Amino acid sequence: MIITTWKKMAFCLACTSLLAFSVRETYLVPATAQADTTRIISRLEVLDIKTGKRKVIYEAQRHFEAPNWSADGKFFILNSEGFLYRLPIDTPQLVRIDTDFANHVNNDHGISPDGERLAISHNDGEQATADNSTIYTLPIEGGKLIQITPNAPSYWHGWSPDGQTLSYTARREDNYDIYTIATDGSTSESRLTVAEGLDDGPDYSPNGQYIYFNSERSGTMEIWRMKSDGNEQQQITNDAYQNWFPHPSPDGKWIVFLSYQPEVPSGSHPANKQVMLRLLPADGKGKPRVLARLLGGQGTINVPSWSPDSRQVAFVSYEVE
């Protein structure tokens, strides 16, 4: 989700490159640079949750974000500079997807359970600000957009396993909460949370019974879980870190999430920070395990990115010079 203008990157370097598979297990340390001279390198990586090994799938001197892993495991969907791209794993090169009039697609997008459609969040209007983000769906190969949410801002985050409902974060009445709506836009949106402060990142469990999300209602940003109708809201992390974007694994055993250091404000998820990817049993019991440390944050793992077999997670890390 993007809720303030400083959270939207503005790097537009055009050069892309292909990278052979490799393993990286350490932080990327950025050099200090002024905004007008910054060079960013984005890396799409996959991580084996059992071994901790990281493999670079694609690297480019441009800013890209938020990989979705296809249900057949053969490609990723990601956004870059306002557009949506397909990245085949066997020939990793960005292929732009036709998104109709949408030319300010942000990093809240995902693939339907049947693999046939995409949900995107697009910053509508001439100003194309995050405050104008609206949810649309379209065929996965690209094509005509169908508007789903009548009100903005709305930021997509989850697709119910039966394909009938979308979960998203929206600002209504000056507060950010979790909402759901029918995937064809035929029903009014339903509000599931009412807590003061930011609720964000709602993603369905694979059995459809739960929605995982992050909330700052306790004073820090923590991971929560609730029934898919909004009942039984339960906090499942409670530590010194600011925890964002929980994603349940397809086998229902785990959630992976992003953790900022404690000094990052609870209601923000900035780019280019030292962050961790952590793993926790889906029932919230136990201590989170650190999977990776990297430079990232905004754009790293905003959306569902598990491999179909639940063995790997895809994410984006960054290097700034």
C-alpha atoms as a PDB file:
ATOM      1  CA  MET A   1       0.000   0.000   0.000  1.00  0.00           C
ATOM      2  CA  ILE A   2       1.189   3.584  -0.742  1.00  0.00           C
ATOM      3  CA  ILE A   3      -0.258   6.223   1.536  1.00  0.00           C
ATOM      4  CA  THR A   4       2.078   9.191   1.236  1.00  0.00           C
ATOM      5  CA  THR A   5       3.966  10.671  -1.696  1.00  0.00           C
ATOM      6  CA  TRP A   6       7.412   9.957  -0.270  1.00  0.00           C
ATOM      7  CA  LYS A   7       6.632   6.246  -0.412  1.00  0.00           C
ATOM      8  CA  LYS A   8       6.419   6.204  -4.199  1.00  0.00           C
ATOM      9  CA  MET A   9       9.861   5.803  -5.816  1.00  0.00           C
ATOM     10  CA  ALA A  10      10.823   8.036  -8.717  1.00  0.00           C
ATOM     11  CA  PHE A  11      13.766   6.227 -10.275  1.00  0.00           C
ATOM     12  CA  CYS A  12      13.284   5.814 -14.030  1.00  0.00           C
ATOM     13  CA  LEU A  13      16.544   4.380 -15.368  1.00  0.00           C
ATOM     14  CA  ALA A  14      15.884   2.526 -18.581  1.00  0.00           C
ATOM     15  CA  CYS A  15      18.682   0.008 -18.695  1.00  0.00           C
ATOM     16  CA  THR A  16      17.822  -3.616 -17.910  1.00  0.00           C
ATOM     17  CA  SER A  17      20.082  -6.630 -17.743  1.00  0.00           C
ATOM     18  CA  LEU A  18      19.979 -10.401 -17.372  1.00  0.00           C
ATOM     19  CA  LEU A  19      21.755 -12.177 -14.543  1.00  0.00           C
ATOM     20  CA  ALA A  20      22.777 -15.804 -14.179  1.00  0.00           C
ATOM     21  CA  PHE A  21      21.640 -17.625 -11.072  1.00  0.00           C
ATOM     22  CA  SER A  22      23.744 -16.932  -7.994  1.00  0.00           C
ATOM     23  CA  VAL A  23      23.511 -17.120  -4.225  1.00  0.00           C
ATOM     24  CA  ARG A  24      23.602 -14.103  -1.924  1.00  0.00           C
ATOM     25  CA  GLU A  25      23.207 -14.201   1.842  1.00  0.00           C
ATOM     26  CA  THR A  26      24.350 -10.789   3.115  1.00  0.00           C
ATOM     27  CA  TYR A  27      23.093  -7.235   3.406  1.00  0.00           C
ATOM     28  CA  LEU A  28      23.412  -4.821   0.520  1.00  0.00           C
ATOM     29  CA  VAL A  29      24.859  -1.662   1.997  1.00  0.00           C
ATOM     30  CA  PRO A  30      23.803   1.528   0.181  1.00  0.00           C
ATOM     31  CA  ALA A  31      26.135   4.433  -0.442  1.00  0.00           C
ATOM     32  CA  THR A  32      24.930   7.896   0.539  1.00  0.00           C
ATOM     33  CA  ALA A  33      23.731   9.804  -2.526  1.00  0.00           C
ATOM     34  CA  GLN A  34      21.567  12.755  -3.452  1.00  0.00           C
ATOM     35  CA  ALA A  35      18.210  11.948  -5.026  1.00  0.00           C
ATOM     36  CA  ASP A  36      19.142  13.447  -8.399  1.00  0.00           C
ATOM     37  CA  THR A  37      22.272  11.289  -8.685  1.00  0.00           C
ATOM     38  CA  THR A  38      20.945   8.049  -7.208  1.00  0.00           C
ATOM     39  CA  ARG A  39      21.343   4.840  -9.154  1.00  0.00           C
ATOM     40  CA  ILE A  40      19.166   1.969  -8.035  1.00  0.00           C
ATOM     41  CA  ILE A  41      19.606  -1.713  -8.755  1.00  0.00           C
ATOM     42  CA  SER A  42      16.581  -3.933  -8.181  1.00  0.00           C
ATOM     43  CA  ARG A  43      16.966  -7.680  -7.751  1.00  0.00           C
ATOM     44  CA  LEU A  44      14.189 -10.238  -7.852  1.00  0.00           C
ATOM     45  CA  GLU A  45      15.297 -13.057  -5.575  1.00  0.00           C
ATOM     46  CA  VAL A  46      13.840 -16.358  -4.454  1.00  0.00           C
ATOM     47  CA  LEU A  47      14.570 -17.828  -1.042  1.00  0.00           C
ATOM     48  CA  ASP A  48      14.339 -21.437   0.084  1.00  0.00           C
ATOM     49  CA  ILE A  49      12.650 -21.351   3.509  1.00  0.00           C
ATOM     50  CA  LYS A  50      14.300 -24.610   4.584  1.00  0.00           C
ATOM     51  CA  THR A  51      17.923 -23.897   3.622  1.00  0.00           C
ATOM     52  CA  GLY A  52      17.863 -20.088   3.661  1.00  0.00           C
ATOM     53  CA  LYS A  53      19.613 -19.985   0.287  1.00  0.00           C
ATOM     54  CA  ARG A  54      18.874 -16.958  -1.878  1.00  0.00           C
ATOM     55  CA  LYS A  55      19.025 -16.990  -5.664  1.00  0.00           C
ATOM     56  CA  VAL A  56      18.920 -13.917  -7.913  1.00  0.00           C
ATOM     57  CA  ILE A  57      16.490 -14.489 -10.776  1.00  0.00           C
ATOM     58  CA  TYR A  58      16.626 -11.065 -12.407  1.00  0.00           C
ATOM     59  CA  GLU A  59      18.549  -7.843 -11.897  1.00  0.00           C
ATOM     60  CA  ALA A  60      18.088  -4.451 -13.525  1.00  0.00           C
ATOM     61  CA  GLN A  61      19.202  -0.839 -13.195  1.00  0.00           C
ATOM     62  CA  ARG A  62      15.637   0.321 -12.767  1.00  0.00           C
ATOM     63  CA  HIS A  63      13.095   0.323  -9.995  1.00  0.00           C
ATOM     64  CA  PHE A  64      10.667  -2.601  -9.890  1.00  0.00           C
ATOM     65  CA  GLU A  65       8.528  -4.008  -7.074  1.00  0.00           C
ATOM     66  CA  ALA A  66       6.228  -6.622  -5.595  1.00  0.00           C
ATOM     67  CA  PRO A  67       6.562 -10.005  -7.334  1.00  0.00           C
ATOM     68  CA  ASN A  68       3.556 -12.332  -7.610  1.00  0.00           C
ATOM     69  CA  TRP A  69       4.484 -15.960  -8.292  1.00  0.00           C
ATOM     70  CA  SER A  70       2.184 -17.648 -10.830  1.00  0.00           C
ATOM     71  CA  ALA A  71       0.185 -20.717  -9.800  1.00  0.00           C
ATOM     72  CA  ASP A  72       2.041 -22.879 -12.334  1.00  0.00           C
ATOM     73  CA  GLY A  73       5.389 -21.603 -11.034  1.00  0.00           C
ATOM     74  CA  LYS A  74       6.559 -20.481 -14.474  1.00  0.00           C
ATOM     75  CA  PHE A  75       6.554 -16.688 -14.209  1.00  0.00           C
ATOM     76  CA  PHE A  76       6.302 -13.638 -11.981  1.00  0.00           C
ATOM     77  CA  ILE A  77       4.156 -10.517 -12.236  1.00  0.00           C
ATOM     78  CA  LEU A  78       5.707  -7.259 -11.021  1.00  0.00           C
ATOM     79  CA  ASN A  79       5.288  -3.517 -11.454  1.00  0.00           C
ATOM     80  CA  SER A  80       7.806  -0.960 -12.659  1.00  0.00           C
ATOM     81  CA  GLU A  81       7.484   2.750 -13.363  1.00  0.00           C
ATOM     82  CA  GLY A  82       3.685   2.684 -13.549  1.00  0.00           C
ATOM     83  CA  PHE A  83       3.260  -0.448 -15.657  1.00  0.00           C
ATOM     84  CA  LEU A  84       2.819  -4.169 -15.057  1.00  0.00           C
ATOM     85  CA  TYR A  85       5.220  -6.813 -16.379  1.00  0.00           C
ATOM     86  CA  ARG A  86       5.475 -10.574 -16.755  1.00  0.00           C
ATOM     87  CA  LEU A  87       8.860 -12.137 -16.005  1.00  0.00           C
ATOM     88  CA  PRO A  88       9.253 -15.748 -17.250  1.00  0.00           C
ATOM     89  CA  ILE A  89      11.577 -17.794 -15.053  1.00  0.00           C
ATOM     90  CA  ASP A  90      13.203 -19.747 -17.891  1.00  0.00           C
ATOM     91  CA  THR A  91      13.927 -16.603 -19.961  1.00  0.00           C
ATOM     92  CA  PRO A  92      13.983 -13.803 -17.364  1.00  0.00           C
ATOM     93  CA  GLN A  93      13.192 -10.680 -19.333  1.00  0.00           C
ATOM     94  CA  LEU A  94      10.442  -8.164 -18.560  1.00  0.00           C
ATOM     95  CA  VAL A  95       7.448  -8.369 -20.912  1.00  0.00           C
ATOM     96  CA  ARG A  96       4.967  -5.527 -20.511  1.00  0.00           C
ATOM     97  CA  ILE A  97       1.319  -6.457 -19.938  1.00  0.00           C
ATOM     98  CA  ASP A  98      -1.397  -4.451 -21.659  1.00  0.00           C
ATOM     99  CA  THR A  99      -3.243  -2.711 -18.804  1.00  0.00           C
ATOM    100  CA  ASP A 100      -5.599  -0.678 -20.979  1.00  0.00           C
ATOM    101  CA  PHE A 101      -5.528   2.964 -19.814  1.00  0.00           C
ATOM    102  CA  ALA A 102      -3.734   2.174 -16.539  1.00  0.00           C
ATOM    103  CA  ASN A 103      -0.297   3.772 -16.677  1.00  0.00           C
ATOM    104  CA  HIS A 104       0.187   4.421 -12.958  1.00  0.00           C
ATOM    105  CA  VAL A 105      -0.126   0.899 -11.574  1.00  0.00           C
ATOM    106  CA  ASN A 106       1.221   0.723  -8.023  1.00  0.00           C
ATOM    107  CA  ASN A 107       2.662  -2.220  -6.088  1.00  0.00           C
ATOM    108  CA  ASP A 108      -0.645  -3.713  -4.904  1.00  0.00           C
ATOM    109  CA  HIS A 109      -1.513  -6.335  -7.522  1.00  0.00           C
ATOM    110  CA  GLY A 110      -2.139 -10.078  -7.658  1.00  0.00           C
ATOM    111  CA  ILE A 111      -3.221 -13.172  -9.566  1.00  0.00           C
ATOM    112  CA  SER A 112      -6.623 -14.860  -9.179  1.00  0.00           C
ATOM    113  CA  PRO A 113      -6.680 -18.408  -7.727  1.00  0.00           C
ATOM    114  CA  ASP A 114      -7.582 -19.896 -11.118  1.00  0.00           C
ATOM    115  CA  GLY A 115      -4.688 -18.021 -12.733  1.00  0.00           C
ATOM    116  CA  GLU A 116      -6.913 -16.307 -15.274  1.00  0.00           C
ATOM    117  CA  ARG A 117      -7.183 -12.729 -14.003  1.00  0.00           C
ATOM    118  CA  LEU A 118      -5.194  -9.972 -12.356  1.00  0.00           C
ATOM    119  CA  ALA A 119      -6.243  -7.454  -9.748  1.00  0.00           C
ATOM    120  CA  ILE A 120      -4.384  -4.147  -9.887  1.00  0.00           C
ATOM    121  CA  SER A 121      -4.407  -0.891  -7.979  1.00  0.00           C
ATOM    122  CA  HIS A 122      -4.096   2.104 -10.264  1.00  0.00           C
ATOM    123  CA  ASN A 123      -3.516   5.731  -9.294  1.00  0.00           C
ATOM    124  CA  ASP A 124      -6.325   7.315 -11.299  1.00  0.00           C
ATOM    125  CA  GLY A 125      -6.659  10.875 -12.543  1.00  0.00           C
ATOM    126  CA  GLU A 126      -4.406  13.521 -14.015  1.00  0.00           C
ATOM    127  CA  GLN A 127      -2.458  13.918 -10.779  1.00  0.00           C
ATOM    128  CA  ALA A 128      -2.085  10.114 -10.425  1.00  0.00           C
ATOM    129  CA  THR A 129      -1.493  10.278  -6.680  1.00  0.00           C
ATOM    130  CA  ALA A 130      -1.793   7.409  -4.225  1.00  0.00           C
ATOM    131  CA  ASP A 131      -4.943   9.074  -2.858  1.00  0.00           C
ATOM    132  CA  ASN A 132      -6.611   8.159  -6.157  1.00  0.00           C
ATOM    133  CA  SER A 133      -5.753   4.444  -6.075  1.00  0.00           C
ATOM    134  CA  THR A 134      -8.641   2.338  -7.424  1.00  0.00           C
ATOM    135  CA  ILE A 135      -8.879  -1.448  -7.848  1.00  0.00           C
ATOM    136  CA  TYR A 136      -9.480  -2.979 -11.281  1.00  0.00           C
ATOM    137  CA  THR A 137      -9.362  -6.497 -12.699  1.00  0.00           C
ATOM    138  CA  LEU A 138      -8.278  -7.642 -16.157  1.00  0.00           C
ATOM    139  CA  PRO A 139      -7.326 -10.863 -17.985  1.00  0.00           C
ATOM    140  CA  ILE A 140      -3.910 -12.160 -16.926  1.00  0.00           C
ATOM    141  CA  GLU A 141      -2.627 -11.838 -20.485  1.00  0.00           C
ATOM    142  CA  GLY A 142      -3.735  -8.185 -20.466  1.00  0.00           C
ATOM    143  CA  GLY A 143      -6.707  -6.307 -21.842  1.00  0.00           C
ATOM    144  CA  LYS A 144      -9.762  -4.320 -20.855  1.00  0.00           C
ATOM    145  CA  LEU A 145     -10.041  -3.107 -17.258  1.00  0.00           C
ATOM    146  CA  ILE A 146     -13.109  -3.623 -15.066  1.00  0.00           C
ATOM    147  CA  GLN A 147     -13.422  -1.196 -12.164  1.00  0.00           C
ATOM    148  CA  ILE A 148     -14.152  -2.950  -8.856  1.00  0.00           C
ATOM    149  CA  THR A 149     -13.993  -0.371  -6.061  1.00  0.00           C
ATOM    150  CA  PRO A 150     -16.215   2.691  -6.488  1.00  0.00           C
ATOM    151  CA  ASN A 151     -14.268   4.734  -3.943  1.00  0.00           C
ATOM    152  CA  ALA A 152     -10.641   5.764  -3.603  1.00  0.00           C
ATOM    153  CA  PRO A 153      -8.138   5.290  -2.204  1.00  0.00           C
ATOM    154  CA  SER A 154      -8.336   1.492  -2.306  1.00  0.00           C
ATOM    155  CA  TYR A 155      -5.304  -0.815  -2.415  1.00  0.00           C
ATOM    156  CA  TRP A 156      -5.699  -4.493  -3.342  1.00  0.00           C
ATOM    157  CA  HIS A 157      -4.002  -7.127  -1.177  1.00  0.00           C
ATOM    158  CA  GLY A 158      -5.805 -10.478  -1.291  1.00  0.00           C
ATOM    159  CA  TRP A 159      -7.985 -12.777  -3.384  1.00  0.00           C
ATOM    160  CA  SER A 160     -10.210 -15.317  -1.620  1.00  0.00           C
ATOM    161  CA  PRO A 161      -9.409 -18.951  -2.536  1.00  0.00           C
ATOM    162  CA  ASP A 162     -12.816 -19.403  -4.192  1.00  0.00           C
ATOM    163  CA  GLY A 163     -12.144 -16.399  -6.407  1.00  0.00           C
ATOM    164  CA  GLN A 164     -15.289 -14.585  -5.310  1.00  0.00           C
ATOM    165  CA  THR A 165     -13.950 -11.849  -3.011  1.00  0.00           C
ATOM    166  CA  LEU A 166     -11.137  -9.301  -2.905  1.00  0.00           C
ATOM    167  CA  SER A 167      -9.605  -7.974   0.308  1.00  0.00           C
ATOM    168  CA  TYR A 168      -8.041  -4.544   0.387  1.00  0.00           C
ATOM    169  CA  THR A 169      -7.022  -1.563   2.450  1.00  0.00           C
ATOM    170  CA  ALA A 170      -8.954   1.661   2.017  1.00  0.00           C
ATOM    171  CA  ARG A 171      -9.211   5.075   3.569  1.00  0.00           C
ATOM    172  CA  ARG A 172     -12.739   6.012   4.477  1.00  0.00           C
ATOM    173  CA  GLU A 173     -13.682   8.684   7.000  1.00  0.00           C
ATOM    174  CA  ASP A 174      -9.986   9.579   7.437  1.00  0.00           C
ATOM    175  CA  ASN A 175      -9.026   6.114   8.687  1.00  0.00           C
ATOM    176  CA  TYR A 176      -7.382   3.166   6.963  1.00  0.00           C
ATOM    177  CA  ASP A 177      -9.195  -0.137   7.483  1.00  0.00           C
ATOM    178  CA  ILE A 178      -9.647  -3.560   5.897  1.00  0.00           C
ATOM    179  CA  TYR A 179     -12.492  -4.073   3.426  1.00  0.00           C
ATOM    180  CA  THR A 180     -13.799  -6.806   1.144  1.00  0.00           C
ATOM    181  CA  ILE A 181     -15.843  -6.686  -2.047  1.00  0.00           C
ATOM    182  CA  ALA A 182     -17.099  -9.134  -4.689  1.00  0.00           C
ATOM    183  CA  THR A 183     -14.560  -9.713  -7.459  1.00  0.00           C
ATOM    184  CA  ASP A 184     -17.036  -8.507 -10.089  1.00  0.00           C
ATOM    185  CA  GLY A 185     -17.853  -5.352  -8.125  1.00  0.00           C
ATOM    186  CA  SER A 186     -21.493  -6.400  -7.849  1.00  0.00           C
ATOM    187  CA  THR A 187     -21.771  -5.811  -4.096  1.00  0.00           C
ATOM    188  CA  SER A 188     -21.075  -2.885  -1.797  1.00  0.00           C
ATOM    189  CA  GLU A 189     -17.793  -3.010   0.064  1.00  0.00           C
ATOM    190  CA  SER A 190     -17.811  -4.520   3.562  1.00  0.00           C
ATOM    191  CA  ARG A 191     -15.737  -2.966   6.322  1.00  0.00           C
ATOM    192  CA  LEU A 192     -14.016  -5.561   8.534  1.00  0.00           C
ATOM    193  CA  THR A 193     -11.908  -3.422  10.909  1.00  0.00           C
ATOM    194  CA  VAL A 194     -12.757  -0.244  12.790  1.00  0.00           C
ATOM    195  CA  ALA A 195      -9.640   0.336  14.921  1.00  0.00           C
ATOM    196  CA  GLU A 196      -8.029   3.762  14.974  1.00  0.00           C
ATOM    197  CA  GLY A 197      -4.764   3.950  13.055  1.00  0.00           C
ATOM    198  CA  LEU A 198      -3.595   1.967  10.066  1.00  0.00           C
ATOM    199  CA  ASP A 199      -4.789  -1.544   9.225  1.00  0.00           C
ATOM    200  CA  ASP A 200      -3.137  -2.857   6.077  1.00  0.00           C
ATOM    201  CA  GLY A 201      -2.000  -5.825   3.984  1.00  0.00           C
ATOM    202  CA  PRO A 202      -5.009  -8.217   4.193  1.00  0.00           C
ATOM    203  CA  ASP A 203      -4.249 -11.635   2.681  1.00  0.00           C
ATOM    204  CA  TYR A 204      -6.447 -14.756   2.824  1.00  0.00           C
ATOM    205  CA  SER A 205      -5.423 -18.100   4.296  1.00  0.00           C
ATOM    206  CA  PRO A 206      -5.545 -20.879   1.655  1.00  0.00           C
ATOM    207  CA  ASN A 207      -8.676 -22.390   3.216  1.00  0.00           C
ATOM    208  CA  GLY A 208     -10.435 -19.009   3.134  1.00  0.00           C
ATOM    209  CA  GLN A 209     -11.223 -19.064   6.855  1.00  0.00           C
ATOM    210  CA  TYR A 210      -8.866 -16.282   7.899  1.00  0.00           C
ATOM    211  CA  ILE A 211      -7.486 -12.960   6.751  1.00  0.00           C
ATOM    212  CA  TYR A 212      -4.037 -11.989   7.954  1.00  0.00           C
ATOM    213  CA  PHE A 213      -3.184  -8.291   8.164  1.00  0.00           C
ATOM    214  CA  ASN A 214      -0.952  -5.788   9.947  1.00  0.00           C
ATOM    215  CA  SER A 215      -2.230  -3.170  12.381  1.00  0.00           C
ATOM    216  CA  GLU A 216      -0.750  -0.440  14.558  1.00  0.00           C
ATOM    217  CA  ARG A 217      -3.694  -0.436  16.999  1.00  0.00           C
ATOM    218  CA  SER A 218      -1.446  -1.724  19.807  1.00  0.00           C
ATOM    219  CA  GLY A 219       1.049   1.142  19.405  1.00  0.00           C
ATOM    220  CA  THR A 220       3.495  -0.698  17.141  1.00  0.00           C
ATOM    221  CA  MET A 221       2.878  -2.361  13.790  1.00  0.00           C
ATOM    222  CA  GLU A 222       2.083  -6.023  14.428  1.00  0.00           C
ATOM    223  CA  ILE A 223       0.672  -8.997  12.536  1.00  0.00           C
ATOM    224  CA  TRP A 224      -2.973  -9.884  13.238  1.00  0.00           C
ATOM    225  CA  ARG A 225      -5.426 -12.536  12.120  1.00  0.00           C
ATOM    226  CA  MET A 226      -9.227 -12.515  11.914  1.00  0.00           C
ATOM    227  CA  LYS A 227     -12.010 -14.654  10.522  1.00  0.00           C
ATOM    228  CA  SER A 228     -12.806 -13.773   6.920  1.00  0.00           C
ATOM    229  CA  ASP A 229     -15.984 -12.019   8.074  1.00  0.00           C
ATOM    230  CA  GLY A 230     -13.989  -9.767  10.437  1.00  0.00           C
ATOM    231  CA  ASN A 231     -14.729 -11.607  13.670  1.00  0.00           C
ATOM    232  CA  GLU A 232     -12.185 -12.851  16.245  1.00  0.00           C
ATOM    233  CA  GLN A 233      -9.425 -10.327  15.553  1.00  0.00           C
ATOM    234  CA  GLN A 234      -6.270 -11.631  17.211  1.00  0.00           C
ATOM    235  CA  GLN A 235      -2.736 -10.218  17.490  1.00  0.00           C
ATOM    236  CA  ILE A 236      -0.100 -12.843  16.666  1.00  0.00           C
ATOM    237  CA  THR A 237       3.203 -10.933  16.874  1.00  0.00           C
ATOM    238  CA  ASN A 238       4.402  -8.789  19.737  1.00  0.00           C
ATOM    239  CA  ASP A 239       8.032  -7.751  19.603  1.00  0.00           C
ATOM    240  CA  ALA A 240      10.302  -4.742  19.106  1.00  0.00           C
ATOM    241  CA  TYR A 241      10.016  -4.669  15.310  1.00  0.00           C
ATOM    242  CA  GLN A 242       7.526  -3.000  12.977  1.00  0.00           C
ATOM    243  CA  ASN A 243       5.905  -5.939  11.161  1.00  0.00           C
ATOM    244  CA  TRP A 244       4.172  -5.672   7.784  1.00  0.00           C
ATOM    245  CA  PHE A 245       2.554  -7.604   4.943  1.00  0.00           C
ATOM    246  CA  PRO A 246       1.829 -11.148   6.218  1.00  0.00           C
ATOM    247  CA  HIS A 247       1.428 -13.757   3.486  1.00  0.00           C
ATOM    248  CA  PRO A 248       0.220 -17.295   4.266  1.00  0.00           C
ATOM    249  CA  SER A 249       1.907 -20.152   2.413  1.00  0.00           C
ATOM    250  CA  PRO A 250      -0.237 -22.150  -0.053  1.00  0.00           C
ATOM    251  CA  ASP A 251      -0.027 -25.227   2.203  1.00  0.00           C
ATOM    252  CA  GLY A 252      -1.377 -23.202   5.143  1.00  0.00           C
ATOM    253  CA  LYS A 253       1.588 -23.910   7.430  1.00  0.00           C
ATOM    254  CA  TRP A 254       3.432 -20.587   7.502  1.00  0.00           C
ATOM    255  CA  ILE A 255       3.235 -16.854   7.168  1.00  0.00           C
ATOM    256  CA  VAL A 256       6.102 -14.772   5.860  1.00  0.00           C
ATOM    257  CA  PHE A 257       6.255 -11.070   6.678  1.00  0.00           C
ATOM    258  CA  LEU A 258       8.480  -8.005   6.528  1.00  0.00           C
ATOM    259  CA  SER A 259      10.046  -6.480   9.651  1.00  0.00           C
ATOM    260  CA  TYR A 260      11.478  -2.976   9.997  1.00  0.00           C
ATOM    261  CA  GLN A 261      13.757  -1.889  12.804  1.00  0.00           C
ATOM    262  CA  PRO A 262      12.008  -0.405  15.877  1.00  0.00           C
ATOM    263  CA  GLU A 263      12.946   3.194  15.067  1.00  0.00           C
ATOM    264  CA  VAL A 264      10.861   3.209  11.857  1.00  0.00           C
ATOM    265  CA  PRO A 265       7.484   4.868  12.577  1.00  0.00           C
ATOM    266  CA  SER A 266       4.744   2.289  12.980  1.00  0.00           C
ATOM    267  CA  GLY A 267       2.505   3.762  10.286  1.00  0.00           C
ATOM    268  CA  SER A 268       5.090   3.957   7.508  1.00  0.00           C
ATOM    269  CA  HIS A 269       6.799   1.434   5.263  1.00  0.00           C
ATOM    270  CA  PRO A 270       9.606   3.389   3.586  1.00  0.00           C
ATOM    271  CA  ALA A 271      11.942   2.167   0.873  1.00  0.00           C
ATOM    272  CA  ASN A 272      15.666   1.453   1.167  1.00  0.00           C
ATOM    273  CA  LYS A 273      15.812   0.427   4.811  1.00  0.00           C
ATOM    274  CA  GLN A 274      17.574  -2.483   6.471  1.00  0.00           C
ATOM    275  CA  VAL A 275      14.741  -4.977   6.893  1.00  0.00           C
ATOM    276  CA  MET A 276      14.169  -8.659   7.583  1.00  0.00           C
ATOM    277  CA  LEU A 277      11.946 -11.310   6.081  1.00  0.00           C
ATOM    278  CA  ARG A 278      10.659 -13.515   8.894  1.00  0.00           C
ATOM    279  CA  LEU A 279       8.722 -16.770   9.069  1.00  0.00           C
ATOM    280  CA  LEU A 280       6.126 -17.806  11.657  1.00  0.00           C
ATOM    281  CA  PRO A 281       3.734 -20.768  11.975  1.00  0.00           C
ATOM    282  CA  ALA A 282       0.333 -19.794  10.624  1.00  0.00           C
ATOM    283  CA  ASP A 283      -1.309 -20.193  14.031  1.00  0.00           C
ATOM    284  CA  GLY A 284       1.033 -17.538  15.431  1.00  0.00           C
ATOM    285  CA  LYS A 285       2.573 -19.914  17.968  1.00  0.00           C
ATOM    286  CA  GLY A 286       6.335 -19.880  18.361  1.00  0.00           C
ATOM    287  CA  LYS A 287       9.084 -17.369  17.721  1.00  0.00           C
ATOM    288  CA  PRO A 288       9.537 -15.803  14.285  1.00  0.00           C
ATOM    289  CA  ARG A 289      12.565 -17.091  12.387  1.00  0.00           C
ATOM    290  CA  VAL A 290      14.693 -14.702  10.332  1.00  0.00           C
ATOM    291  CA  LEU A 291      14.860 -15.832   6.714  1.00  0.00           C
ATOM    292  CA  ALA A 292      16.829 -12.949   5.236  1.00  0.00           C
ATOM    293  CA  ARG A 293      18.264  -9.522   5.933  1.00  0.00           C
ATOM    294  CA  LEU A 294      18.304  -7.061   3.072  1.00  0.00           C
ATOM    295  CA  LEU A 295      17.963  -3.492   1.896  1.00  0.00           C
ATOM    296  CA  GLY A 296      14.322  -2.980   1.022  1.00  0.00           C
ATOM    297  CA  GLY A 297      10.932  -2.307   2.562  1.00  0.00           C
ATOM    298  CA  GLN A 298       8.489  -0.621   0.222  1.00  0.00           C
ATOM    299  CA  GLY A 299       8.253  -2.865  -2.840  1.00  0.00           C
ATOM    300  CA  THR A 300       9.986  -5.895  -1.317  1.00  0.00           C
ATOM    301  CA  ILE A 301       7.042  -8.150  -0.445  1.00  0.00           C
ATOM    302  CA  ASN A 302       3.884  -6.032  -0.520  1.00  0.00           C
ATOM    303  CA  VAL A 303       1.856  -8.767  -2.197  1.00  0.00           C
ATOM    304  CA  PRO A 304       1.535 -12.598  -2.130  1.00  0.00           C
ATOM    305  CA  SER A 305       4.741 -14.125  -3.510  1.00  0.00           C
ATOM    306  CA  TRP A 306       4.982 -17.756  -2.349  1.00  0.00           C
ATOM    307  CA  SER A 307       5.965 -20.499  -4.779  1.00  0.00           C
ATOM    308  CA  PRO A 308       3.092 -22.925  -5.495  1.00  0.00           C
ATOM    309  CA  ASP A 309       4.823 -25.702  -3.513  1.00  0.00           C
ATOM    310  CA  SER A 310       5.305 -23.456  -0.435  1.00  0.00           C
ATOM    311  CA  ARG A 311       9.054 -24.085  -0.469  1.00  0.00           C
ATOM    312  CA  GLN A 312      10.210 -20.672  -1.641  1.00  0.00           C
ATOM    313  CA  VAL A 313       9.345 -16.992  -1.354  1.00  0.00           C
ATOM    314  CA  ALA A 314      10.049 -14.354  -3.984  1.00  0.00           C
ATOM    315  CA  PHE A 315      10.992 -10.786  -3.023  1.00  0.00           C
ATOM    316  CA  VAL A 316      12.805  -7.708  -4.283  1.00  0.00           C
ATOM    317  CA  SER A 317      15.990  -6.360  -2.712  1.00  0.00           C
ATOM    318  CA  TYR A 318      17.678  -3.122  -3.663  1.00  0.00           C
ATOM    319  CA  GLU A 319      21.098  -1.551  -3.947  1.00  0.00           C
ATOM    320  CA  VAL A 320      21.447   2.233  -4.025  1.00  0.00           C
ATOM    321  CA  GLU A 321      24.556   4.103  -5.129  1.00  0.00           C
END
